[in-house]
Amino acid sequence: MSLGLQPAAARRRPSLTPMVDVVFLLLVFFMLAARMGAEVALPVAGGAGGSAEWSGPPRLIDIGPETLALNGVETPLDALAGALAPLVSGPSDPVVLRPRDGAELQRVIEVIETLSAAGYSQPILVE
C-alpha cells in the first residue's frame, strides 16, 4: 500500500559564491575610494609658551563659507595678498586664520595656499 508520498528531496544549500563576489567588490571599492583624496601637509605654528609678543597691526583673516574678511573687511581671495601687504613688515610675520561656522576645509587650504604662493610662511590657524 502506497500513500503517494515522495521521498524528501535533499535540501539545497545556498551558494556562497555571489556573497563572496559582493564582499570582494565592496572591498575593492573602499580601497580605491580611500586613495582618491589628496594628502596636503598643513603648516602648524609651534607654540613658544606665550613668550613671543605680537608686533604690528592685526592680521586676522576670517574664512567664511563664501566670504573672506581681512580684519573685518570683506576681501576676495585673489586680492588677499595685496590687501595684506601694508599690514606686514615681511613675509615671516604671522597671519592668523580663523575659520567660521560652515567653512569647509578645502576653503581653508585654498587660503593657506594663496598666502604661501604670495610668500607668507607663518599662517596660524585658530579655532
C-alpha atoms as a PDB file:
ATOM      1  CA  MET A   1       0.000   0.000   0.000  1.00  0.00           C
ATOM      2  CA  SER A   2       1.429   3.292  -1.087  1.00  0.00           C
ATOM      3  CA  LEU A   3       0.448   6.634   0.383  1.00  0.00           C
ATOM      4  CA  GLY A   4       1.808   8.597  -2.542  1.00  0.00           C
ATOM      5  CA  LEU A   5       4.438  10.361  -0.519  1.00  0.00           C
ATOM      6  CA  GLN A   6       7.508  11.268  -2.390  1.00  0.00           C
ATOM      7  CA  PRO A   7      10.854  10.889  -0.731  1.00  0.00           C
ATOM      8  CA  ALA A   8      12.124  14.114   0.773  1.00  0.00           C
ATOM      9  CA  ALA A   9      14.454  15.851  -1.634  1.00  0.00           C
ATOM     10  CA  ALA A  10      17.839  16.819  -0.373  1.00  0.00           C
ATOM     11  CA  ARG A  11      17.846  20.442   0.791  1.00  0.00           C
ATOM     12  CA  ARG A  12      19.804  22.781  -1.421  1.00  0.00           C
ATOM     13  CA  ARG A  13      22.382  24.790   0.386  1.00  0.00           C
ATOM     14  CA  PRO A  14      22.681  28.413  -0.741  1.00  0.00           C
ATOM     15  CA  SER A  15      25.764  29.165  -2.758  1.00  0.00           C
ATOM     16  CA  LEU A  16      28.245  31.459  -1.061  1.00  0.00           C
ATOM     17  CA  THR A  17      29.937  32.493  -4.302  1.00  0.00           C
ATOM     18  CA  PRO A  18      27.690  35.538  -5.028  1.00  0.00           C
ATOM     19  CA  MET A  19      28.122  36.788  -1.459  1.00  0.00           C
ATOM     20  CA  VAL A  20      31.907  36.447  -1.684  1.00  0.00           C
ATOM     21  CA  ASP A  21      31.827  38.334  -5.003  1.00  0.00           C
ATOM     22  CA  VAL A  22      29.844  41.197  -3.456  1.00  0.00           C
ATOM     23  CA  VAL A  23      32.154  41.417  -0.443  1.00  0.00           C
ATOM     24  CA  PHE A  24      35.188  41.453  -2.740  1.00  0.00           C
ATOM     25  CA  LEU A  25      33.696  44.237  -4.877  1.00  0.00           C
ATOM     26  CA  LEU A  26      32.928  46.299  -1.761  1.00  0.00           C
ATOM     27  CA  LEU A  27      36.481  45.780  -0.533  1.00  0.00           C
ATOM     28  CA  VAL A  28      37.932  46.944  -3.857  1.00  0.00           C
ATOM     29  CA  PHE A  29      35.571  49.949  -3.940  1.00  0.00           C
ATOM     30  CA  PHE A  30      36.530  51.173  -0.468  1.00  0.00           C
ATOM     31  CA  MET A  31      40.234  50.605  -1.087  1.00  0.00           C
ATOM     32  CA  LEU A  32      40.083  52.733  -4.237  1.00  0.00           C
ATOM     33  CA  ALA A  33      37.862  55.381  -2.633  1.00  0.00           C
ATOM     34  CA  ALA A  34      40.302  55.762   0.263  1.00  0.00           C
ATOM     35  CA  ARG A  35      43.161  56.522  -2.139  1.00  0.00           C
ATOM     36  CA  MET A  36      41.302  59.231  -4.106  1.00  0.00           C
ATOM     37  CA  GLY A  37      41.867  62.003  -1.547  1.00  0.00           C
ATOM     38  CA  ALA A  38      44.910  64.209  -1.993  1.00  0.00           C
ATOM     39  CA  GLU A  39      47.149  64.476   1.034  1.00  0.00           C
ATOM     40  CA  VAL A  40      48.202  68.006   1.940  1.00  0.00           C
ATOM     41  CA  ALA A  41      50.514  68.852   4.816  1.00  0.00           C
ATOM     42  CA  LEU A  42      49.178  71.885   6.648  1.00  0.00           C
ATOM     43  CA  PRO A  43      51.835  74.007   8.325  1.00  0.00           C
ATOM     44  CA  VAL A  44      51.472  74.170  12.085  1.00  0.00           C
ATOM     45  CA  ALA A  45      52.954  77.033  14.063  1.00  0.00           C
ATOM     46  CA  GLY A  46      54.740  75.798  17.160  1.00  0.00           C
ATOM     47  CA  GLY A  47      53.871  77.430  20.447  1.00  0.00           C
ATOM     48  CA  ALA A  48      56.518  79.467  22.215  1.00  0.00           C
ATOM     49  CA  GLY A  49      54.876  79.191  25.616  1.00  0.00           C
ATOM     50  CA  GLY A  50      53.464  82.716  25.476  1.00  0.00           C
ATOM     51  CA  SER A  51      56.884  84.352  25.446  1.00  0.00           C
ATOM     52  CA  ALA A  52      56.586  85.876  21.959  1.00  0.00           C
ATOM     53  CA  GLU A  53      54.781  89.172  21.572  1.00  0.00           C
ATOM     54  CA  TRP A  54      52.712  90.318  18.645  1.00  0.00           C
ATOM     55  CA  SER A  55      54.210  93.170  16.661  1.00  0.00           C
ATOM     56  CA  GLY A  56      52.482  95.362  14.127  1.00  0.00           C
ATOM     57  CA  PRO A  57      48.835  95.799  13.186  1.00  0.00           C
ATOM     58  CA  PRO A  58      46.359  92.932  13.468  1.00  0.00           C
ATOM     59  CA  ARG A  59      46.312  90.439  10.617  1.00  0.00           C
ATOM     60  CA  LEU A  60      43.184  88.353  11.122  1.00  0.00           C
ATOM     61  CA  ILE A  61      41.557  86.579   8.193  1.00  0.00           C
ATOM     62  CA  ASP A  62      38.042  85.281   8.858  1.00  0.00           C
ATOM     63  CA  ILE A  63      37.239  82.423   6.498  1.00  0.00           C
ATOM     64  CA  GLY A  64      33.515  82.004   5.934  1.00  0.00           C
ATOM     65  CA  PRO A  65      31.706  79.518   3.715  1.00  0.00           C
ATOM     66  CA  GLU A  66      31.559  82.027   0.845  1.00  0.00           C
ATOM     67  CA  THR A  67      33.438  85.129   2.029  1.00  0.00           C
ATOM     68  CA  LEU A  68      36.830  86.168   3.351  1.00  0.00           C
ATOM     69  CA  ALA A  69      37.332  89.104   5.673  1.00  0.00           C
ATOM     70  CA  LEU A  70      40.690  90.700   6.486  1.00  0.00           C
ATOM     71  CA  ASN A  71      40.351  92.489   9.835  1.00  0.00           C
ATOM     72  CA  GLY A  72      36.575  92.622   9.322  1.00  0.00           C
ATOM     73  CA  VAL A  73      36.687  93.980   5.753  1.00  0.00           C
ATOM     74  CA  GLU A  74      35.444  91.625   3.037  1.00  0.00           C
ATOM     75  CA  THR A  75      38.258  90.790   0.635  1.00  0.00           C
ATOM     76  CA  PRO A  76      38.206  88.473  -2.391  1.00  0.00           C
ATOM     77  CA  LEU A  77      40.690  85.599  -2.378  1.00  0.00           C
ATOM     78  CA  ASP A  78      42.679  86.902  -5.347  1.00  0.00           C
ATOM     79  CA  ALA A  79      43.132  90.326  -3.688  1.00  0.00           C
ATOM     80  CA  LEU A  80      44.028  88.927  -0.266  1.00  0.00           C
ATOM     81  CA  ALA A  81      47.824  89.081  -0.678  1.00  0.00           C
ATOM     82  CA  GLY A  82      47.680  92.680  -1.910  1.00  0.00           C
ATOM     83  CA  ALA A  83      45.418  93.770   0.947  1.00  0.00           C
ATOM     84  CA  LEU A  84      47.685  92.050   3.461  1.00  0.00           C
ATOM     85  CA  ALA A  85      50.921  93.639   2.181  1.00  0.00           C
ATOM     86  CA  PRO A  86      50.583  97.012   4.013  1.00  0.00           C
ATOM     87  CA  LEU A  87      49.910  95.207   7.307  1.00  0.00           C
ATOM     88  CA  VAL A  88      53.112  93.156   7.418  1.00  0.00           C
ATOM     89  CA  SER A  89      56.754  94.133   7.599  1.00  0.00           C
ATOM     90  CA  GLY A  90      57.935  90.906   5.934  1.00  0.00           C
ATOM     91  CA  PRO A  91      56.744  87.527   4.737  1.00  0.00           C
ATOM     92  CA  SER A  92      57.754  85.879   8.019  1.00  0.00           C
ATOM     93  CA  ASP A  93      55.171  87.893  10.001  1.00  0.00           C
ATOM     94  CA  PRO A  94      52.393  85.663  11.317  1.00  0.00           C
ATOM     95  CA  VAL A  95      48.913  85.827   9.793  1.00  0.00           C
ATOM     96  CA  VAL A  96      46.004  84.497  11.859  1.00  0.00           C
ATOM     97  CA  LEU A  97      43.380  82.414  10.034  1.00  0.00           C
ATOM     98  CA  ARG A  98      40.029  81.858  11.741  1.00  0.00           C
ATOM     99  CA  PRO A  99      37.532  79.553  10.002  1.00  0.00           C
ATOM    100  CA  ARG A 100      33.915  80.482  10.744  1.00  0.00           C
ATOM    101  CA  ASP A 101      30.950  78.126  11.091  1.00  0.00           C
ATOM    102  CA  GLY A 102      30.213  76.394   7.815  1.00  0.00           C
ATOM    103  CA  ALA A 103      33.645  76.985   6.274  1.00  0.00           C
ATOM    104  CA  GLU A 104      34.911  73.863   4.536  1.00  0.00           C
ATOM    105  CA  LEU A 105      38.432  72.556   4.998  1.00  0.00           C
ATOM    106  CA  GLN A 106      39.095  72.930   1.270  1.00  0.00           C
ATOM    107  CA  ARG A 107      38.394  76.681   1.566  1.00  0.00           C
ATOM    108  CA  VAL A 108      40.914  76.976   4.425  1.00  0.00           C
ATOM    109  CA  ILE A 109      43.511  75.104   2.361  1.00  0.00           C
ATOM    110  CA  GLU A 110      42.911  77.448  -0.601  1.00  0.00           C
ATOM    111  CA  VAL A 111      43.592  80.469   1.633  1.00  0.00           C
ATOM    112  CA  ILE A 112      46.772  78.874   3.036  1.00  0.00           C
ATOM    113  CA  GLU A 113      47.974  78.031  -0.481  1.00  0.00           C
ATOM    114  CA  THR A 114      47.257  81.594  -1.666  1.00  0.00           C
ATOM    115  CA  LEU A 115      49.235  83.032   1.256  1.00  0.00           C
ATOM    116  CA  SER A 116      52.056  80.557   0.675  1.00  0.00           C
ATOM    117  CA  ALA A 117      52.217  81.476  -3.030  1.00  0.00           C
ATOM    118  CA  ALA A 118      52.467  85.149  -2.017  1.00  0.00           C
ATOM    119  CA  GLY A 119      55.430  84.330   0.258  1.00  0.00           C
ATOM    120  CA  TYR A 120      53.737  84.355   3.679  1.00  0.00           C
ATOM    121  CA  SER A 121      55.272  81.500   5.624  1.00  0.00           C
ATOM    122  CA  GLN A 122      53.655  81.862   9.061  1.00  0.00           C
ATOM    123  CA  PRO A 123      49.901  81.181   8.881  1.00  0.00           C
ATOM    124  CA  ILE A 124      48.421  80.472  12.293  1.00  0.00           C
ATOM    125  CA  LEU A 125      45.168  78.517  12.316  1.00  0.00           C
ATOM    126  CA  VAL A 126      42.951  79.250  15.328  1.00  0.00           C
ATOM    127  CA  GLU A 127      39.602  77.899  16.373  1.00  0.00           C
END
